[in-house]
All heavy atoms as atom14 arrays in JSON, in Angstrom:
{
  "sequence": "EFFEHLDMPFRAFTLQEMAEAIHPEDRVDVLNTFYHVKNQPDSKT",
  "atom14_mask": [
    [1, 1, 1, 1, 1, 1, 1, 1, 1, 0, 0, 0, 0, 0],
    [1, 1, 1, 1, 1, 1, 1, 1, 1, 1, 1, 0, 0, 0],
    [1, 1, 1, 1, 1, 1, 1, 1, 1, 1, 1, 0, 0, 0],
    [1, 1, 1, 1, 1, 1, 1, 1, 1, 0, 0, 0, 0, 0],
    [1, 1, 1, 1, 1, 1, 1, 1, 1, 1, 0, 0, 0, 0],
    [1, 1, 1, 1, 1, 1, 1, 1, 0, 0, 0, 0, 0, 0],
    [1, 1, 1, 1, 1, 1, 1, 1, 0, 0, 0, 0, 0, 0],
    [1, 1, 1, 1, 1, 1, 1, 1, 0, 0, 0, 0, 0, 0],
    [1, 1, 1, 1, 1, 1, 1, 0, 0, 0, 0, 0, 0, 0],
    [1, 1, 1, 1, 1, 1, 1, 1, 1, 1, 1, 0, 0, 0],
    [1, 1, 1, 1, 1, 1, 1, 1, 1, 1, 1, 0, 0, 0],
    [1, 1, 1, 1, 1, 0, 0, 0, 0, 0, 0, 0, 0, 0],
    [1, 1, 1, 1, 1, 1, 1, 1, 1, 1, 1, 0, 0, 0],
    [1, 1, 1, 1, 1, 1, 1, 0, 0, 0, 0, 0, 0, 0],
    [1, 1, 1, 1, 1, 1, 1, 1, 0, 0, 0, 0, 0, 0],
    [1, 1, 1, 1, 1, 1, 1, 1, 1, 0, 0, 0, 0, 0],
    [1, 1, 1, 1, 1, 1, 1, 1, 1, 0, 0, 0, 0, 0],
    [1, 1, 1, 1, 1, 1, 1, 1, 0, 0, 0, 0, 0, 0],
    [1, 1, 1, 1, 1, 0, 0, 0, 0, 0, 0, 0, 0, 0],
    [1, 1, 1, 1, 1, 1, 1, 1, 1, 0, 0, 0, 0, 0],
    [1, 1, 1, 1, 1, 0, 0, 0, 0, 0, 0, 0, 0, 0],
    [1, 1, 1, 1, 1, 1, 1, 1, 0, 0, 0, 0, 0, 0],
    [1, 1, 1, 1, 1, 1, 1, 1, 1, 1, 0, 0, 0, 0],
    [1, 1, 1, 1, 1, 1, 1, 0, 0, 0, 0, 0, 0, 0],
    [1, 1, 1, 1, 1, 1, 1, 1, 1, 0, 0, 0, 0, 0],
    [1, 1, 1, 1, 1, 1, 1, 1, 0, 0, 0, 0, 0, 0],
    [1, 1, 1, 1, 1, 1, 1, 1, 1, 1, 1, 0, 0, 0],
    [1, 1, 1, 1, 1, 1, 1, 0, 0, 0, 0, 0, 0, 0],
    [1, 1, 1, 1, 1, 1, 1, 1, 0, 0, 0, 0, 0, 0],
    [1, 1, 1, 1, 1, 1, 1, 0, 0, 0, 0, 0, 0, 0],
    [1, 1, 1, 1, 1, 1, 1, 1, 0, 0, 0, 0, 0, 0],
    [1, 1, 1, 1, 1, 1, 1, 1, 0, 0, 0, 0, 0, 0],
    [1, 1, 1, 1, 1, 1, 1, 0, 0, 0, 0, 0, 0, 0],
    [1, 1, 1, 1, 1, 1, 1, 1, 1, 1, 1, 0, 0, 0],
    [1, 1, 1, 1, 1, 1, 1, 1, 1, 1, 1, 1, 0, 0],
    [1, 1, 1, 1, 1, 1, 1, 1, 1, 1, 0, 0, 0, 0],
    [1, 1, 1, 1, 1, 1, 1, 0, 0, 0, 0, 0, 0, 0],
    [1, 1, 1, 1, 1, 1, 1, 1, 1, 0, 0, 0, 0, 0],
    [1, 1, 1, 1, 1, 1, 1, 1, 0, 0, 0, 0, 0, 0],
    [1, 1, 1, 1, 1, 1, 1, 1, 1, 0, 0, 0, 0, 0],
    [1, 1, 1, 1, 1, 1, 1, 0, 0, 0, 0, 0, 0, 0],
    [1, 1, 1, 1, 1, 1, 1, 1, 0, 0, 0, 0, 0, 0],
    [1, 1, 1, 1, 1, 1, 0, 0, 0, 0, 0, 0, 0, 0],
    [1, 1, 1, 1, 1, 1, 1, 1, 1, 0, 0, 0, 0, 0],
    [1, 1, 1, 1, 1, 1, 1, 0, 0, 0, 0, 0, 0, 0]
  ],
  "atom14_positions": [
    [[-2.35, -53.72, 1.43], [-2.53, -53.86, -0.01], [-2.6, -52.53, -0.74], [-2.27, -52.53, -1.95], [-3.86, -54.7, -0.22], [-3.92, -56.08, 0.25], [-4.25, -56.22, 1.69], [-4.25, -55.15, 2.47], [-4.4, -57.38, 2.16], [0.0, 0.0, 0.0], [0.0, 0.0, 0.0], [0.0, 0.0, 0.0], [0.0, 0.0, 0.0], [0.0, 0.0, 0.0]],
    [[-3.01, -51.62, -0.09], [-3.03, -50.18, -0.61], [-1.71, -49.8, -1.14], [-1.49, -49.35, -2.35], [-3.6, -49.25, 0.34], [-3.54, -47.76, -0.13], [-4.54, -47.26, -0.99], [-2.53, -46.93, 0.33], [-4.44, -45.97, -1.37], [-2.45, -45.62, -0.09], [-3.44, -45.13, -0.92], [0.0, 0.0, 0.0], [0.0, 0.0, 0.0], [0.0, 0.0, 0.0]],
    [[-0.72, -50.03, -0.3], [0.74, -49.64, -0.72], [1.27, -50.58, -1.75], [2.02, -50.16, -2.59], [1.51, -49.52, 0.58], [1.19, -48.44, 1.63], [0.27, -48.79, 2.64], [1.54, -47.2, 1.44], [-0.11, -47.77, 3.49], [1.14, -46.17, 2.29], [0.3, -46.51, 3.3], [0.0, 0.0, 0.0], [0.0, 0.0, 0.0], [0.0, 0.0, 0.0]],
    [[1.0, -51.82, -1.62], [1.51, -52.82, -2.51], [1.02, -52.58, -3.9], [1.82, -52.66, -4.83], [1.08, -54.3, -2.04], [1.83, -54.77, -0.8], [1.19, -56.1, -0.31], [0.21, -56.6, -0.94], [1.79, -56.71, 0.65], [0.0, 0.0, 0.0], [0.0, 0.0, 0.0], [0.0, 0.0, 0.0], [0.0, 0.0, 0.0], [0.0, 0.0, 0.0]],
    [[-0.23, -52.23, -4.03], [-0.79, -51.95, -5.41], [-0.13, -50.71, -6.0], [0.13, -50.68, -7.24], [-2.27, -51.68, -5.28], [-2.97, -51.41, -6.64], [-3.31, -52.41, -7.47], [-3.26, -50.24, -7.17], [-3.76, -51.94, -8.55], [-3.73, -50.55, -8.4], [0.0, 0.0, 0.0], [0.0, 0.0, 0.0], [0.0, 0.0, 0.0], [0.0, 0.0, 0.0]],
    [[0.26, -49.74, -5.16], [0.83, -48.58, -5.75], [2.38, -48.59, -5.7], [3.07, -47.66, -6.05], [0.49, -47.39, -4.89], [-1.06, -46.96, -4.98], [-1.37, -45.86, -3.95], [-1.36, -46.46, -6.4], [0.0, 0.0, 0.0], [0.0, 0.0, 0.0], [0.0, 0.0, 0.0], [0.0, 0.0, 0.0], [0.0, 0.0, 0.0], [0.0, 0.0, 0.0]],
    [[2.91, -49.78, -5.36], [4.39, -50.05, -5.31], [5.02, -49.06, -4.41], [6.06, -48.43, -4.73], [4.92, -49.96, -6.82], [6.35, -50.55, -6.89], [6.7, -51.37, -6.03], [7.08, -50.16, -7.73], [0.0, 0.0, 0.0], [0.0, 0.0, 0.0], [0.0, 0.0, 0.0], [0.0, 0.0, 0.0], [0.0, 0.0, 0.0], [0.0, 0.0, 0.0]],
    [[4.55, -48.91, -3.27], [5.03, -48.0, -2.24], [5.29, -48.74, -0.91], [4.62, -49.69, -0.61], [3.98, -46.91, -1.94], [3.7, -46.0, -3.08], [2.21, -44.93, -2.74], [2.78, -43.98, -1.35], [0.0, 0.0, 0.0], [0.0, 0.0, 0.0], [0.0, 0.0, 0.0], [0.0, 0.0, 0.0], [0.0, 0.0, 0.0], [0.0, 0.0, 0.0]],
    [[6.29, -48.4, -0.24], [6.58, -48.98, 1.16], [5.42, -48.7, 2.05], [4.84, -47.61, 2.11], [7.91, -48.34, 1.48], [7.95, -47.05, 0.9], [7.24, -47.2, -0.5], [0.0, 0.0, 0.0], [0.0, 0.0, 0.0], [0.0, 0.0, 0.0], [0.0, 0.0, 0.0], [0.0, 0.0, 0.0], [0.0, 0.0, 0.0], [0.0, 0.0, 0.0]],
    [[5.14, -49.83, 2.88], [4.07, -49.64, 3.91], [4.54, -48.7, 4.95], [5.67, -48.9, 5.46], [3.83, -51.02, 4.43], [2.63, -50.98, 5.51], [1.47, -50.59, 5.16], [3.02, -51.27, 6.71], [0.4, -50.61, 6.13], [1.99, -51.31, 7.85], [0.66, -50.92, 7.42], [0.0, 0.0, 0.0], [0.0, 0.0, 0.0], [0.0, 0.0, 0.0]],
    [[3.72, -47.71, 5.32], [4.17, -46.79, 6.4], [2.85, -46.02, 6.88], [1.82, -46.18, 6.29], [5.1, -45.73, 5.77], [4.6, -44.93, 4.64], [5.63, -43.97, 4.03], [5.17, -43.38, 2.81], [4.39, -42.2, 2.93], [3.97, -41.76, 4.1], [4.02, -41.65, 1.73], [0.0, 0.0, 0.0], [0.0, 0.0, 0.0], [0.0, 0.0, 0.0]],
    [[3.07, -45.22, 7.87], [2.0, -44.37, 8.32], [1.77, -43.28, 7.28], [2.69, -42.79, 6.62], [2.34, -43.65, 9.62], [0.0, 0.0, 0.0], [0.0, 0.0, 0.0], [0.0, 0.0, 0.0], [0.0, 0.0, 0.0], [0.0, 0.0, 0.0], [0.0, 0.0, 0.0], [0.0, 0.0, 0.0], [0.0, 0.0, 0.0], [0.0, 0.0, 0.0]],
    [[0.46, -43.0, 7.0], [0.08, -42.03, 5.89], [-0.85, -41.02, 6.55], [-2.02, -41.32, 6.85], [-0.58, -42.83, 4.81], [-0.55, -42.09, 3.46], [0.57, -42.03, 2.74], [-1.75, -41.59, 2.98], [0.51, -41.43, 1.5], [-1.77, -40.93, 1.68], [-0.61, -40.78, 0.98], [0.0, 0.0, 0.0], [0.0, 0.0, 0.0], [0.0, 0.0, 0.0]],
    [[-0.38, -39.75, 6.7], [-1.3, -38.76, 7.44], [-2.3, -38.25, 6.48], [-2.24, -38.3, 5.31], [-0.42, -37.62, 7.88], [0.11, -36.95, 6.73], [0.82, -38.09, 8.8], [0.0, 0.0, 0.0], [0.0, 0.0, 0.0], [0.0, 0.0, 0.0], [0.0, 0.0, 0.0], [0.0, 0.0, 0.0], [0.0, 0.0, 0.0], [0.0, 0.0, 0.0]],
    [[-3.28, -37.65, 7.06], [-4.4, -36.98, 6.24], [-3.83, -35.68, 5.52], [-4.3, -35.41, 4.46], [-5.44, -36.58, 7.18], [-6.79, -35.98, 6.46], [-7.24, -37.06, 5.54], [-7.85, -35.57, 7.42], [0.0, 0.0, 0.0], [0.0, 0.0, 0.0], [0.0, 0.0, 0.0], [0.0, 0.0, 0.0], [0.0, 0.0, 0.0], [0.0, 0.0, 0.0]],
    [[-2.79, -35.11, 6.12], [-2.11, -34.11, 5.36], [-1.6, -34.56, 4.04], [-1.73, -33.94, 2.98], [-1.06, -33.46, 6.2], [-0.2, -32.31, 5.59], [-1.12, -31.12, 5.39], [-1.9, -30.88, 6.24], [-0.78, -30.41, 4.36], [0.0, 0.0, 0.0], [0.0, 0.0, 0.0], [0.0, 0.0, 0.0], [0.0, 0.0, 0.0], [0.0, 0.0, 0.0]],
    [[-0.91, -35.76, 4.1], [-0.37, -36.33, 2.88], [-1.47, -36.68, 1.85], [-1.37, -36.5, 0.73], [0.55, -37.54, 3.22], [1.83, -37.22, 3.9], [2.61, -38.48, 4.31], [2.19, -39.26, 5.22], [3.53, -38.78, 3.52], [0.0, 0.0, 0.0], [0.0, 0.0, 0.0], [0.0, 0.0, 0.0], [0.0, 0.0, 0.0], [0.0, 0.0, 0.0]],
    [[-2.49, -37.3, 2.54], [-3.68, -37.57, 1.69], [-4.21, -36.37, 0.95], [-4.45, -36.45, -0.21], [-4.75, -38.18, 2.55], [-6.08, -38.53, 1.95], [-6.01, -39.93, 0.79], [-7.56, -39.92, 0.11], [0.0, 0.0, 0.0], [0.0, 0.0, 0.0], [0.0, 0.0, 0.0], [0.0, 0.0, 0.0], [0.0, 0.0, 0.0], [0.0, 0.0, 0.0]],
    [[-4.36, -35.26, 1.62], [-4.88, -34.04, 1.07], [-3.93, -33.58, -0.04], [-4.39, -33.06, -1.11], [-5.01, -32.9, 2.18], [0.0, 0.0, 0.0], [0.0, 0.0, 0.0], [0.0, 0.0, 0.0], [0.0, 0.0, 0.0], [0.0, 0.0, 0.0], [0.0, 0.0, 0.0], [0.0, 0.0, 0.0], [0.0, 0.0, 0.0], [0.0, 0.0, 0.0]],
    [[-2.51, -33.61, 0.21], [-1.64, -33.21, -0.85], [-1.67, -34.1, -2.06], [-1.32, -33.68, -3.16], [-0.25, -33.12, -0.24], [-0.11, -32.0, 0.82], [1.21, -32.05, 1.56], [1.96, -33.0, 1.41], [1.52, -31.13, 2.4], [0.0, 0.0, 0.0], [0.0, 0.0, 0.0], [0.0, 0.0, 0.0], [0.0, 0.0, 0.0], [0.0, 0.0, 0.0]],
    [[-2.04, -35.36, -1.77], [-2.09, -36.28, -3.03], [-3.39, -35.95, -3.9], [-3.34, -36.41, -5.0], [-2.12, -37.72, -2.48], [0.0, 0.0, 0.0], [0.0, 0.0, 0.0], [0.0, 0.0, 0.0], [0.0, 0.0, 0.0], [0.0, 0.0, 0.0], [0.0, 0.0, 0.0], [0.0, 0.0, 0.0], [0.0, 0.0, 0.0], [0.0, 0.0, 0.0]],
    [[-4.32, -35.29, -3.38], [-5.54, -34.96, -4.19], [-5.32, -33.85, -5.1], [-4.56, -32.85, -4.75], [-6.71, -34.69, -3.21], [-7.02, -35.87, -2.31], [-7.93, -34.22, -3.96], [-8.07, -35.56, -1.2], [0.0, 0.0, 0.0], [0.0, 0.0, 0.0], [0.0, 0.0, 0.0], [0.0, 0.0, 0.0], [0.0, 0.0, 0.0], [0.0, 0.0, 0.0]],
    [[-5.85, -33.93, -6.43], [-5.62, -32.91, -7.24], [-6.11, -31.58, -6.73], [-7.18, -31.51, -6.0], [-6.47, -33.25, -8.52], [-6.03, -32.41, -9.71], [-6.45, -31.05, -9.85], [-5.39, -32.74, -10.88], [-6.0, -30.63, -10.99], [-5.28, -31.56, -11.66], [0.0, 0.0, 0.0], [0.0, 0.0, 0.0], [0.0, 0.0, 0.0], [0.0, 0.0, 0.0]],
    [[-5.4, -30.46, -6.96], [-5.78, -29.18, -6.29], [-7.14, -28.75, -6.71], [-7.85, -28.14, -5.84], [-4.72, -28.14, -6.94], [-3.48, -28.99, -7.27], [-4.07, -30.42, -7.58], [0.0, 0.0, 0.0], [0.0, 0.0, 0.0], [0.0, 0.0, 0.0], [0.0, 0.0, 0.0], [0.0, 0.0, 0.0], [0.0, 0.0, 0.0], [0.0, 0.0, 0.0]],
    [[-7.64, -29.11, -7.83], [-9.03, -28.66, -8.26], [-10.06, -29.45, -7.51], [-11.21, -29.03, -7.42], [-9.15, -28.88, -9.74], [-8.39, -27.91, -10.6], [-8.6, -28.21, -12.1], [-9.43, -29.16, -12.51], [-7.92, -27.6, -12.91], [0.0, 0.0, 0.0], [0.0, 0.0, 0.0], [0.0, 0.0, 0.0], [0.0, 0.0, 0.0], [0.0, 0.0, 0.0]],
    [[-9.67, -30.55, -6.99], [-10.71, -31.52, -6.24], [-10.57, -31.42, -4.75], [-11.44, -31.85, -3.93], [-10.5, -32.98, -6.66], [-10.66, -33.12, -8.2], [-11.3, -32.35, -8.75], [-9.96, -34.1, -8.73], [0.0, 0.0, 0.0], [0.0, 0.0, 0.0], [0.0, 0.0, 0.0], [0.0, 0.0, 0.0], [0.0, 0.0, 0.0], [0.0, 0.0, 0.0]],
    [[-9.48, -30.87, -4.27], [-9.13, -31.04, -2.76], [-10.17, -30.41, -1.97], [-10.62, -31.03, -0.9], [-7.71, -30.29, -2.66], [-7.12, -30.55, -1.23], [-5.74, -30.04, -1.18], [-4.91, -30.66, -2.27], [-3.81, -30.06, -2.79], [-3.51, -28.78, -2.45], [-3.05, -30.69, -3.69], [0.0, 0.0, 0.0], [0.0, 0.0, 0.0], [0.0, 0.0, 0.0]],
    [[-10.62, -29.19, -2.13], [-11.49, -28.46, -1.23], [-12.84, -29.3, -1.06], [-13.35, -29.5, -0.08], [-11.85, -27.06, -1.73], [-12.92, -26.4, -0.9], [-10.63, -26.2, -1.62], [0.0, 0.0, 0.0], [0.0, 0.0, 0.0], [0.0, 0.0, 0.0], [0.0, 0.0, 0.0], [0.0, 0.0, 0.0], [0.0, 0.0, 0.0], [0.0, 0.0, 0.0]],
    [[-13.36, -29.79, -2.32], [-14.57, -30.57, -2.32], [-14.39, -31.82, -1.53], [-15.39, -32.21, -0.58], [-15.02, -30.89, -3.67], [-16.24, -31.55, -3.82], [-17.26, -31.08, -3.26], [-16.29, -32.69, -4.35], [0.0, 0.0, 0.0], [0.0, 0.0, 0.0], [0.0, 0.0, 0.0], [0.0, 0.0, 0.0], [0.0, 0.0, 0.0], [0.0, 0.0, 0.0]],
    [[-13.35, -32.57, -1.63], [-13.15, -33.82, -0.98], [-13.02, -33.54, 0.6], [-13.64, -34.25, 1.33], [-11.86, -34.52, -1.39], [-11.51, -35.69, -0.57], [-11.94, -34.92, -2.83], [0.0, 0.0, 0.0], [0.0, 0.0, 0.0], [0.0, 0.0, 0.0], [0.0, 0.0, 0.0], [0.0, 0.0, 0.0], [0.0, 0.0, 0.0], [0.0, 0.0, 0.0]],
    [[-12.27, -32.54, 1.0], [-12.13, -32.35, 2.46], [-13.41, -31.85, 3.04], [-13.67, -32.18, 4.15], [-11.0, -31.26, 2.62], [-9.58, -31.78, 2.34], [-8.53, -30.74, 2.55], [-9.21, -33.05, 3.14], [0.0, 0.0, 0.0], [0.0, 0.0, 0.0], [0.0, 0.0, 0.0], [0.0, 0.0, 0.0], [0.0, 0.0, 0.0], [0.0, 0.0, 0.0]],
    [[-14.13, -31.04, 2.31], [-15.52, -30.62, 2.77], [-16.39, -31.79, 3.05], [-17.11, -31.85, 4.01], [-16.13, -29.68, 1.75], [-15.57, -28.29, 1.86], [-14.93, -27.93, 2.87], [-15.75, -27.45, 0.87], [0.0, 0.0, 0.0], [0.0, 0.0, 0.0], [0.0, 0.0, 0.0], [0.0, 0.0, 0.0], [0.0, 0.0, 0.0], [0.0, 0.0, 0.0]],
    [[-16.44, -32.72, 2.0], [-17.32, -33.9, 2.25], [-16.89, -34.78, 3.5], [-17.61, -35.24, 4.23], [-17.41, -34.74, 1.07], [-16.05, -35.2, 0.61], [-17.97, -34.03, -0.18], [0.0, 0.0, 0.0], [0.0, 0.0, 0.0], [0.0, 0.0, 0.0], [0.0, 0.0, 0.0], [0.0, 0.0, 0.0], [0.0, 0.0, 0.0], [0.0, 0.0, 0.0]],
    [[-15.48, -34.85, 3.61], [-15.03, -35.61, 4.71], [-15.33, -34.98, 6.01], [-15.9, -35.71, 6.92], [-13.44, -35.74, 4.58], [-12.81, -36.26, 5.78], [-12.85, -37.66, 6.14], [-12.16, -35.43, 6.71], [-12.26, -38.07, 7.28], [-11.59, -35.94, 7.83], [-11.66, -37.23, 8.09], [0.0, 0.0, 0.0], [0.0, 0.0, 0.0], [0.0, 0.0, 0.0]],
    [[-15.13, -33.72, 6.21], [-15.48, -33.11, 7.5], [-16.97, -32.96, 7.64], [-17.41, -33.01, 8.89], [-14.82, -31.72, 7.53], [-13.36, -31.89, 7.97], [-12.36, -31.46, 6.96], [-12.9, -32.27, 9.14], [-11.03, -31.57, 7.34], [-11.58, -32.48, 9.47], [-10.61, -32.1, 8.48], [-9.27, -32.21, 8.81], [0.0, 0.0, 0.0], [0.0, 0.0, 0.0]],
    [[-17.72, -33.04, 6.63], [-19.14, -33.08, 6.83], [-19.59, -34.35, 7.53], [-20.37, -34.43, 8.49], [-19.85, -32.93, 5.48], [-21.44, -33.21, 5.56], [-22.21, -32.18, 6.08], [-22.11, -34.32, 5.18], [-23.49, -32.78, 6.04], [-23.39, -33.96, 5.48], [0.0, 0.0, 0.0], [0.0, 0.0, 0.0], [0.0, 0.0, 0.0], [0.0, 0.0, 0.0]],
    [[-19.02, -35.46, 7.09], [-19.27, -36.76, 7.67], [-18.73, -36.87, 9.06], [-19.37, -37.33, 9.91], [-18.81, -37.92, 6.73], [-18.91, -39.25, 7.45], [-19.5, -37.95, 5.45], [0.0, 0.0, 0.0], [0.0, 0.0, 0.0], [0.0, 0.0, 0.0], [0.0, 0.0, 0.0], [0.0, 0.0, 0.0], [0.0, 0.0, 0.0], [0.0, 0.0, 0.0]],
    [[-17.59, -36.34, 9.18], [-16.87, -36.36, 10.55], [-17.75, -35.74, 11.56], [-17.74, -36.17, 12.75], [-15.49, -35.7, 10.38], [-14.72, -35.67, 11.74], [-13.38, -35.0, 11.48], [-12.55, -34.94, 12.77], [-13.13, -34.12, 13.8], [0.0, 0.0, 0.0], [0.0, 0.0, 0.0], [0.0, 0.0, 0.0], [0.0, 0.0, 0.0], [0.0, 0.0, 0.0]],
    [[-18.41, -34.59, 11.27], [-19.17, -33.88, 12.16], [-20.65, -34.27, 12.23], [-21.38, -33.61, 13.01], [-18.98, -32.38, 11.88], [-17.59, -31.84, 12.0], [-16.98, -32.18, 13.02], [-17.08, -31.04, 11.17], [0.0, 0.0, 0.0], [0.0, 0.0, 0.0], [0.0, 0.0, 0.0], [0.0, 0.0, 0.0], [0.0, 0.0, 0.0], [0.0, 0.0, 0.0]],
    [[-21.06, -35.19, 11.46], [-22.43, -35.59, 11.48], [-22.53, -37.06, 11.84], [-22.36, -37.93, 10.94], [-23.05, -35.41, 10.03], [-23.17, -33.91, 9.65], [-24.12, -33.16, 10.48], [-25.13, -33.72, 10.82], [-23.87, -31.91, 10.66], [0.0, 0.0, 0.0], [0.0, 0.0, 0.0], [0.0, 0.0, 0.0], [0.0, 0.0, 0.0], [0.0, 0.0, 0.0]],
    [[-22.89, -37.46, 13.08], [-23.03, -38.82, 13.33], [-24.07, -39.53, 12.47], [-25.09, -38.99, 12.05], [-23.61, -38.83, 14.81], [-23.08, -37.38, 15.34], [-23.19, -36.55, 14.19], [0.0, 0.0, 0.0], [0.0, 0.0, 0.0], [0.0, 0.0, 0.0], [0.0, 0.0, 0.0], [0.0, 0.0, 0.0], [0.0, 0.0, 0.0], [0.0, 0.0, 0.0]],
    [[-23.86, -40.79, 12.27], [-24.7, -41.65, 11.46], [-24.86, -41.16, 9.98], [-25.97, -41.27, 9.42], [-26.12, -41.79, 12.13], [-26.07, -42.43, 13.46], [-25.3, -43.37, 13.62], [-26.7, -41.97, 14.41], [0.0, 0.0, 0.0], [0.0, 0.0, 0.0], [0.0, 0.0, 0.0], [0.0, 0.0, 0.0], [0.0, 0.0, 0.0], [0.0, 0.0, 0.0]],
    [[-23.87, -40.41, 9.49], [-23.94, -39.93, 8.19], [-22.99, -40.61, 7.23], [-22.13, -41.3, 7.65], [-23.73, -38.47, 8.18], [-22.32, -38.17, 8.53], [0.0, 0.0, 0.0], [0.0, 0.0, 0.0], [0.0, 0.0, 0.0], [0.0, 0.0, 0.0], [0.0, 0.0, 0.0], [0.0, 0.0, 0.0], [0.0, 0.0, 0.0], [0.0, 0.0, 0.0]],
    [[-23.29, -40.51, 5.89], [-22.42, -41.11, 4.93], [-22.45, -40.28, 3.66], [-23.42, -39.59, 3.37], [-22.75, -42.54, 4.66], [-24.16, -42.74, 4.1], [-24.46, -44.21, 3.87], [-25.95, -44.38, 3.35], [-26.22, -45.86, 3.13], [0.0, 0.0, 0.0], [0.0, 0.0, 0.0], [0.0, 0.0, 0.0], [0.0, 0.0, 0.0], [0.0, 0.0, 0.0]],
    [[-21.37, -40.29, 2.86], [-21.34, -39.61, 1.6], [-20.29, -40.26, 0.76], [-19.55, -41.09, 1.15], [-21.07, -38.11, 1.82], [-21.38, -37.42, 0.61], [-19.64, -37.86, 2.28], [0.0, 0.0, 0.0], [0.0, 0.0, 0.0], [0.0, 0.0, 0.0], [0.0, 0.0, 0.0], [0.0, 0.0, 0.0], [0.0, 0.0, 0.0], [0.0, 0.0, 0.0]]
  ]
}
């Protein structure tokens, strides 16, 4: 549904592509929060 909503073909979507899709001014903050959760069991943000 994610791809359908955006009118994109369904395919594998890497985190690298995800990072490149994020606005440059927001990218560092988003990745920092992601890796904070990834390295902290039972955490959320």
